[in-house]
Amino acid sequence: MDTVTDQICLAIRQRILQGDFNGGDFLKEQAIADELGASTPPVHDALARLAGDGWVEIIPYRGARVIEWTREDSHEVFELRALLEAYAARRAAVRIRATQLTRLRAVVDQEWTLLRRPEPPHDALSDLNLEFHQTILAAAGSRRLQRSLETVLHGAISARSTYGLTRPVMENALDEHARIVDALAHADGERAGELMQVHILSVARGQPEQPG
């Protein structure tokens, strides 16, 4: 069962994604506590967790400020991911374990189950998408690559990169996930790398317009 802190984190994340809290806004603990009907300690803990996840930054003596996210940020993230994750997929194709392939297939099945709902839950889909890409990165077996990608696969960046995608774009993305898994299962590194690059760039093209 989710704790009060978990619930507050989710509520604040949703407000940021929906644009209720904009980049540069300071989040006041008491105001959030009053709005959510909570006490300030779990709000304080939630903001600290969100800072660790890249959603806000803690400014001494001023509080938590929402981190800016612009169109340029989004484009840069996708360009970096297309290059690095294609390489990760090529490496993973000849190193991936059976247990990792099984998990990737399960993740894709779970993604489809959620996407078929009338109102797909963005947070759950974002978490599964992140797990999909992190599993392939782990299978690549490169610490240097892991360090290079850990920033652009960060929770907040991943969530913001997938928020607002239309259902057709998301359906196409899941089809691409399945094809990537198939290439990995056949140890076809070149195809896995090509599919990964196409996948990331196609999601980038499906991004909604953002200010900035």
C-alpha atoms as a PDB file:
ATOM      1  CA  MET A   1       0.000   0.000   0.000  1.00  0.00           C
ATOM      2  CA  ASP A   2       1.267   3.477  -0.873  1.00  0.00           C
ATOM      3  CA  THR A   3       2.345   5.666   2.031  1.00  0.00           C
ATOM      4  CA  VAL A   4       1.162   9.254   2.484  1.00  0.00           C
ATOM      5  CA  THR A   5       4.537  10.396   1.149  1.00  0.00           C
ATOM      6  CA  ASP A   6       4.082   8.212  -1.955  1.00  0.00           C
ATOM      7  CA  GLN A   7       0.657   9.719  -2.573  1.00  0.00           C
ATOM      8  CA  ILE A   8       1.963  13.267  -2.178  1.00  0.00           C
ATOM      9  CA  CYS A   9       4.847  12.543  -4.575  1.00  0.00           C
ATOM     10  CA  LEU A  10       2.384  11.258  -7.146  1.00  0.00           C
ATOM     11  CA  ALA A  11       0.112  14.287  -6.731  1.00  0.00           C
ATOM     12  CA  ILE A  12       2.982  16.766  -7.158  1.00  0.00           C
ATOM     13  CA  ARG A  13       4.408  14.885 -10.155  1.00  0.00           C
ATOM     14  CA  GLN A  14       1.006  14.990 -11.837  1.00  0.00           C
ATOM     15  CA  ARG A  15       0.662  18.715 -11.164  1.00  0.00           C
ATOM     16  CA  ILE A  16       4.088  19.339 -12.719  1.00  0.00           C
ATOM     17  CA  LEU A  17       3.318  17.218 -15.783  1.00  0.00           C
ATOM     18  CA  GLN A  18      -0.065  18.880 -16.262  1.00  0.00           C
ATOM     19  CA  GLY A  19       1.477  22.348 -16.055  1.00  0.00           C
ATOM     20  CA  ASP A  20      -0.165  23.369 -12.780  1.00  0.00           C
ATOM     21  CA  PHE A  21       3.343  23.832 -11.377  1.00  0.00           C
ATOM     22  CA  ASN A  22       5.688  25.409 -13.914  1.00  0.00           C
ATOM     23  CA  GLY A  23       9.457  25.441 -14.157  1.00  0.00           C
ATOM     24  CA  GLY A  24      10.840  27.941 -11.663  1.00  0.00           C
ATOM     25  CA  ASP A  25       7.822  27.795  -9.346  1.00  0.00           C
ATOM     26  CA  PHE A  26       8.573  27.425  -5.643  1.00  0.00           C
ATOM     27  CA  LEU A  27       6.493  24.779  -3.877  1.00  0.00           C
ATOM     28  CA  LYS A  28       5.484  25.778  -0.366  1.00  0.00           C
ATOM     29  CA  GLU A  29       5.188  22.890   2.060  1.00  0.00           C
ATOM     30  CA  GLN A  30       2.331  24.379   4.064  1.00  0.00           C
ATOM     31  CA  ALA A  31       0.298  25.287   0.981  1.00  0.00           C
ATOM     32  CA  ILE A  32       0.669  21.774  -0.453  1.00  0.00           C
ATOM     33  CA  ALA A  33      -0.171  20.219   2.911  1.00  0.00           C
ATOM     34  CA  ASP A  34      -3.319  22.342   3.189  1.00  0.00           C
ATOM     35  CA  GLU A  35      -4.390  21.534  -0.367  1.00  0.00           C
ATOM     36  CA  LEU A  36      -3.886  17.785   0.037  1.00  0.00           C
ATOM     37  CA  GLY A  37      -5.200  17.580   3.584  1.00  0.00           C
ATOM     38  CA  ALA A  38      -1.874  16.349   4.930  1.00  0.00           C
ATOM     39  CA  SER A  39       0.618  17.429   7.558  1.00  0.00           C
ATOM     40  CA  THR A  40       3.888  19.094   6.563  1.00  0.00           C
ATOM     41  CA  PRO A  41       6.358  16.267   7.473  1.00  0.00           C
ATOM     42  CA  PRO A  42       5.259  13.917   4.641  1.00  0.00           C
ATOM     43  CA  VAL A  43       5.194  16.891   2.249  1.00  0.00           C
ATOM     44  CA  HIS A  44       8.770  17.694   3.284  1.00  0.00           C
ATOM     45  CA  ASP A  45       9.769  14.058   2.694  1.00  0.00           C
ATOM     46  CA  ALA A  46       7.984  14.017  -0.664  1.00  0.00           C
ATOM     47  CA  LEU A  47       9.799  17.135  -1.877  1.00  0.00           C
ATOM     48  CA  ALA A  48      13.134  15.665  -0.786  1.00  0.00           C
ATOM     49  CA  ARG A  49      12.360  12.510  -2.758  1.00  0.00           C
ATOM     50  CA  LEU A  50      11.290  14.517  -5.807  1.00  0.00           C
ATOM     51  CA  ALA A  51      14.563  16.435  -5.614  1.00  0.00           C
ATOM     52  CA  GLY A  52      16.443  13.143  -5.697  1.00  0.00           C
ATOM     53  CA  ASP A  53      14.399  12.079  -8.723  1.00  0.00           C
ATOM     54  CA  GLY A  54      15.082  15.286 -10.648  1.00  0.00           C
ATOM     55  CA  TRP A  55      11.655  16.926 -10.437  1.00  0.00           C
ATOM     56  CA  VAL A  56      12.595  19.809  -8.141  1.00  0.00           C
ATOM     57  CA  GLU A  57      15.736  21.366  -6.725  1.00  0.00           C
ATOM     58  CA  ILE A  58      16.146  22.426  -3.123  1.00  0.00           C
ATOM     59  CA  ILE A  59      17.260  26.055  -2.794  1.00  0.00           C
ATOM     60  CA  PRO A  60      18.715  26.836   0.656  1.00  0.00           C
ATOM     61  CA  TYR A  61      16.463  29.115   2.724  1.00  0.00           C
ATOM     62  CA  ARG A  62      13.886  29.278  -0.091  1.00  0.00           C
ATOM     63  CA  GLY A  63      12.519  25.774  -0.523  1.00  0.00           C
ATOM     64  CA  ALA A  64      11.829  23.451  -3.451  1.00  0.00           C
ATOM     65  CA  ARG A  65      11.759  24.871  -6.981  1.00  0.00           C
ATOM     66  CA  VAL A  66      10.381  23.025 -10.012  1.00  0.00           C
ATOM     67  CA  ILE A  67      13.152  22.274 -12.504  1.00  0.00           C
ATOM     68  CA  GLU A  68      12.739  23.848 -15.946  1.00  0.00           C
ATOM     69  CA  TRP A  69      11.937  21.586 -18.931  1.00  0.00           C
ATOM     70  CA  THR A  70      12.000  23.073 -22.442  1.00  0.00           C
ATOM     71  CA  ARG A  71      11.578  21.835 -26.000  1.00  0.00           C
ATOM     72  CA  GLU A  72      15.354  21.995 -26.407  1.00  0.00           C
ATOM     73  CA  ASP A  73      15.804  19.803 -23.319  1.00  0.00           C
ATOM     74  CA  SER A  74      13.448  17.221 -24.798  1.00  0.00           C
ATOM     75  CA  HIS A  75      15.140  17.190 -28.205  1.00  0.00           C
ATOM     76  CA  GLU A  76      18.588  16.866 -26.667  1.00  0.00           C
ATOM     77  CA  VAL A  77      17.501  13.952 -24.489  1.00  0.00           C
ATOM     78  CA  PHE A  78      16.084  12.031 -27.441  1.00  0.00           C
ATOM     79  CA  GLU A  79      19.135  12.662 -29.624  1.00  0.00           C
ATOM     80  CA  LEU A  80      21.454  11.379 -26.902  1.00  0.00           C
ATOM     81  CA  ARG A  81      19.259   8.384 -26.218  1.00  0.00           C
ATOM     82  CA  ALA A  82      19.026   7.456 -29.905  1.00  0.00           C
ATOM     83  CA  LEU A  83      22.806   7.262 -30.153  1.00  0.00           C
ATOM     84  CA  LEU A  84      23.600   5.602 -26.845  1.00  0.00           C
ATOM     85  CA  GLU A  85      20.673   3.208 -26.574  1.00  0.00           C
ATOM     86  CA  ALA A  86      21.190   1.913 -30.108  1.00  0.00           C
ATOM     87  CA  TYR A  87      24.709   0.964 -29.032  1.00  0.00           C
ATOM     88  CA  ALA A  88      23.319  -0.572 -25.823  1.00  0.00           C
ATOM     89  CA  ALA A  89      20.878  -2.703 -27.823  1.00  0.00           C
ATOM     90  CA  ARG A  90      23.648  -3.967 -30.107  1.00  0.00           C
ATOM     91  CA  ARG A  91      25.717  -5.004 -27.089  1.00  0.00           C
ATOM     92  CA  ALA A  92      22.736  -6.505 -25.290  1.00  0.00           C
ATOM     93  CA  ALA A  93      21.839  -8.753 -28.228  1.00  0.00           C
ATOM     94  CA  VAL A  94      24.871 -10.967 -27.613  1.00  0.00           C
ATOM     95  CA  ARG A  95      24.869 -10.707 -23.818  1.00  0.00           C
ATOM     96  CA  ILE A  96      21.252 -10.744 -22.677  1.00  0.00           C
ATOM     97  CA  ARG A  97      20.176 -13.507 -20.286  1.00  0.00           C
ATOM     98  CA  ALA A  98      17.034 -15.600 -20.636  1.00  0.00           C
ATOM     99  CA  THR A  99      15.635 -14.093 -17.438  1.00  0.00           C
ATOM    100  CA  GLN A 100      16.059 -10.592 -18.860  1.00  0.00           C
ATOM    101  CA  LEU A 101      14.288 -11.550 -22.083  1.00  0.00           C
ATOM    102  CA  THR A 102      11.454 -13.032 -20.049  1.00  0.00           C
ATOM    103  CA  ARG A 103      11.152  -9.825 -18.060  1.00  0.00           C
ATOM    104  CA  LEU A 104      11.165  -7.667 -21.204  1.00  0.00           C
ATOM    105  CA  ARG A 105       8.322  -9.710 -22.680  1.00  0.00           C
ATOM    106  CA  ALA A 106       6.377  -9.380 -19.429  1.00  0.00           C
ATOM    107  CA  VAL A 107       6.921  -5.613 -19.409  1.00  0.00           C
ATOM    108  CA  VAL A 108       5.581  -5.290 -22.959  1.00  0.00           C
ATOM    109  CA  ASP A 109       2.516  -7.372 -22.022  1.00  0.00           C
ATOM    110  CA  GLN A 110       1.902  -5.153 -18.989  1.00  0.00           C
ATOM    111  CA  GLU A 111       2.288  -2.019 -21.101  1.00  0.00           C
ATOM    112  CA  TRP A 112      -0.361  -3.248 -23.538  1.00  0.00           C
ATOM    113  CA  THR A 113      -2.710  -4.151 -20.686  1.00  0.00           C
ATOM    114  CA  LEU A 114      -2.477  -0.622 -19.285  1.00  0.00           C
ATOM    115  CA  LEU A 115      -2.685   1.103 -22.660  1.00  0.00           C
ATOM    116  CA  ARG A 116      -5.947  -0.691 -23.482  1.00  0.00           C
ATOM    117  CA  ARG A 117      -7.663   0.982 -20.529  1.00  0.00           C
ATOM    118  CA  PRO A 118     -10.017   3.885 -21.356  1.00  0.00           C
ATOM    119  CA  GLU A 119      -7.692   6.199 -19.411  1.00  0.00           C
ATOM    120  CA  PRO A 120      -4.197   4.670 -19.386  1.00  0.00           C
ATOM    121  CA  PRO A 121      -2.257   5.517 -16.190  1.00  0.00           C
ATOM    122  CA  HIS A 122       0.698   7.625 -17.288  1.00  0.00           C
ATOM    123  CA  ASP A 123       2.819   7.021 -14.201  1.00  0.00           C
ATOM    124  CA  ALA A 124       2.559   3.243 -14.418  1.00  0.00           C
ATOM    125  CA  LEU A 125       3.278   3.268 -18.163  1.00  0.00           C
ATOM    126  CA  SER A 126       6.227   5.586 -17.634  1.00  0.00           C
ATOM    127  CA  ASP A 127       7.645   3.273 -14.968  1.00  0.00           C
ATOM    128  CA  LEU A 128       7.303   0.243 -17.252  1.00  0.00           C
ATOM    129  CA  ASN A 129       8.873   2.113 -20.155  1.00  0.00           C
ATOM    130  CA  LEU A 130      11.786   3.064 -17.921  1.00  0.00           C
ATOM    131  CA  GLU A 131      12.173  -0.549 -16.783  1.00  0.00           C
ATOM    132  CA  PHE A 132      12.178  -1.733 -20.407  1.00  0.00           C
ATOM    133  CA  HIS A 133      15.029   0.561 -21.374  1.00  0.00           C
ATOM    134  CA  GLN A 134      16.977   0.020 -18.151  1.00  0.00           C
ATOM    135  CA  THR A 135      16.758  -3.765 -18.555  1.00  0.00           C
ATOM    136  CA  ILE A 136      18.327  -3.538 -22.002  1.00  0.00           C
ATOM    137  CA  LEU A 137      20.975  -1.189 -20.652  1.00  0.00           C
ATOM    138  CA  ALA A 138      21.773  -3.655 -17.859  1.00  0.00           C
ATOM    139  CA  ALA A 139      21.987  -6.478 -20.405  1.00  0.00           C
ATOM    140  CA  ALA A 140      24.539  -4.464 -22.400  1.00  0.00           C
ATOM    141  CA  GLY A 141      26.965  -4.988 -19.529  1.00  0.00           C
ATOM    142  CA  SER A 142      28.886  -1.716 -19.749  1.00  0.00           C
ATOM    143  CA  ARG A 143      29.464   0.451 -16.694  1.00  0.00           C
ATOM    144  CA  ARG A 144      30.652   3.365 -18.823  1.00  0.00           C
ATOM    145  CA  LEU A 145      27.519   3.191 -20.935  1.00  0.00           C
ATOM    146  CA  GLN A 146      25.394   2.915 -17.803  1.00  0.00           C
ATOM    147  CA  ARG A 147      26.950   6.067 -16.367  1.00  0.00           C
ATOM    148  CA  SER A 148      26.516   7.903 -19.666  1.00  0.00           C
ATOM    149  CA  LEU A 149      22.827   7.037 -19.863  1.00  0.00           C
ATOM    150  CA  GLU A 150      21.796   7.234 -16.221  1.00  0.00           C
ATOM    151  CA  THR A 151      21.079  10.966 -16.446  1.00  0.00           C
ATOM    152  CA  VAL A 152      18.867  10.854 -19.550  1.00  0.00           C
ATOM    153  CA  LEU A 153      17.071   7.754 -18.257  1.00  0.00           C
ATOM    154  CA  HIS A 154      16.401   9.477 -14.938  1.00  0.00           C
ATOM    155  CA  GLY A 155      12.873   9.081 -13.606  1.00  0.00           C
ATOM    156  CA  ALA A 156      11.758  12.695 -14.059  1.00  0.00           C
ATOM    157  CA  ILE A 157      13.245  12.979 -17.534  1.00  0.00           C
ATOM    158  CA  SER A 158      11.715   9.680 -18.612  1.00  0.00           C
ATOM    159  CA  ALA A 159       8.279  10.680 -17.326  1.00  0.00           C
ATOM    160  CA  ARG A 160       8.404  14.098 -18.960  1.00  0.00           C
ATOM    161  CA  SER A 161       9.577  12.562 -22.231  1.00  0.00           C
ATOM    162  CA  THR A 162       6.524  10.299 -22.460  1.00  0.00           C
ATOM    163  CA  TYR A 163       3.835  12.592 -21.052  1.00  0.00           C
ATOM    164  CA  GLY A 164       1.199  13.806 -23.504  1.00  0.00           C
ATOM    165  CA  LEU A 165       1.890  11.237 -26.230  1.00  0.00           C
ATOM    166  CA  THR A 166      -1.220  10.304 -28.200  1.00  0.00           C
ATOM    167  CA  ARG A 167      -2.591   6.772 -28.097  1.00  0.00           C
ATOM    168  CA  PRO A 168      -1.467   5.996 -31.709  1.00  0.00           C
ATOM    169  CA  VAL A 169       2.085   7.121 -30.873  1.00  0.00           C
ATOM    170  CA  MET A 170       2.079   4.974 -27.735  1.00  0.00           C
ATOM    171  CA  GLU A 171       0.679   1.967 -29.601  1.00  0.00           C
ATOM    172  CA  ASN A 172       3.412   2.295 -32.207  1.00  0.00           C
ATOM    173  CA  ALA A 173       6.011   2.582 -29.433  1.00  0.00           C
ATOM    174  CA  LEU A 174       4.823  -0.683 -27.876  1.00  0.00           C
ATOM    175  CA  ASP A 175       4.926  -2.417 -31.267  1.00  0.00           C
ATOM    176  CA  GLU A 176       8.522  -1.213 -31.514  1.00  0.00           C
ATOM    177  CA  HIS A 177       9.259  -2.541 -28.020  1.00  0.00           C
ATOM    178  CA  ALA A 178       8.049  -5.972 -29.131  1.00  0.00           C
ATOM    179  CA  ARG A 179      10.199  -5.905 -32.284  1.00  0.00           C
ATOM    180  CA  ILE A 180      13.259  -4.898 -30.260  1.00  0.00           C
ATOM    181  CA  VAL A 181      12.712  -7.837 -27.902  1.00  0.00           C
ATOM    182  CA  ASP A 182      12.391 -10.168 -30.892  1.00  0.00           C
ATOM    183  CA  ALA A 183      15.702  -8.930 -32.325  1.00  0.00           C
ATOM    184  CA  LEU A 184      17.390  -9.394 -28.947  1.00  0.00           C
ATOM    185  CA  ALA A 185      15.980 -12.914 -28.667  1.00  0.00           C
ATOM    186  CA  HIS A 186      17.537 -13.742 -32.048  1.00  0.00           C
ATOM    187  CA  ALA A 187      20.886 -12.199 -31.021  1.00  0.00           C
ATOM    188  CA  ASP A 188      20.614  -9.819 -33.981  1.00  0.00           C
ATOM    189  CA  GLY A 189      22.600  -6.856 -32.726  1.00  0.00           C
ATOM    190  CA  GLU A 190      22.456  -4.774 -35.884  1.00  0.00           C
ATOM    191  CA  ARG A 191      18.684  -5.054 -36.137  1.00  0.00           C
ATOM    192  CA  ALA A 192      18.220  -4.419 -32.414  1.00  0.00           C
ATOM    193  CA  GLY A 193      20.317  -1.259 -32.657  1.00  0.00           C
ATOM    194  CA  GLU A 194      18.496  -0.002 -35.741  1.00  0.00           C
ATOM    195  CA  LEU A 195      15.094  -0.683 -34.195  1.00  0.00           C
ATOM    196  CA  MET A 196      16.056   1.072 -30.974  1.00  0.00           C
ATOM    197  CA  GLN A 197      17.209   4.182 -32.817  1.00  0.00           C
ATOM    198  CA  VAL A 198      14.048   4.265 -34.945  1.00  0.00           C
ATOM    199  CA  HIS A 199      11.933   3.735 -31.817  1.00  0.00           C
ATOM    200  CA  ILE A 200      13.414   6.617 -29.851  1.00  0.00           C
ATOM    201  CA  LEU A 201      13.304   9.041 -32.761  1.00  0.00           C
ATOM    202  CA  SER A 202       9.704   8.103 -33.596  1.00  0.00           C
ATOM    203  CA  VAL A 203       8.674   8.841 -30.003  1.00  0.00           C
ATOM    204  CA  ALA A 204      10.543  12.146 -30.259  1.00  0.00           C
ATOM    205  CA  ARG A 205       8.508  13.066 -33.343  1.00  0.00           C
ATOM    206  CA  GLY A 206       5.326  12.282 -31.419  1.00  0.00           C
ATOM    207  CA  GLN A 207       6.128  14.744 -28.639  1.00  0.00           C
ATOM    208  CA  PRO A 208       3.493  17.420 -27.986  1.00  0.00           C
ATOM    209  CA  GLU A 209       4.595  21.001 -28.493  1.00  0.00           C
ATOM    210  CA  GLN A 210       6.066  22.620 -25.394  1.00  0.00           C
ATOM    211  CA  PRO A 211       6.789  26.228 -24.589  1.00  0.00           C
ATOM    212  CA  GLY A 212      10.403  27.297 -24.707  1.00  0.00           C
END
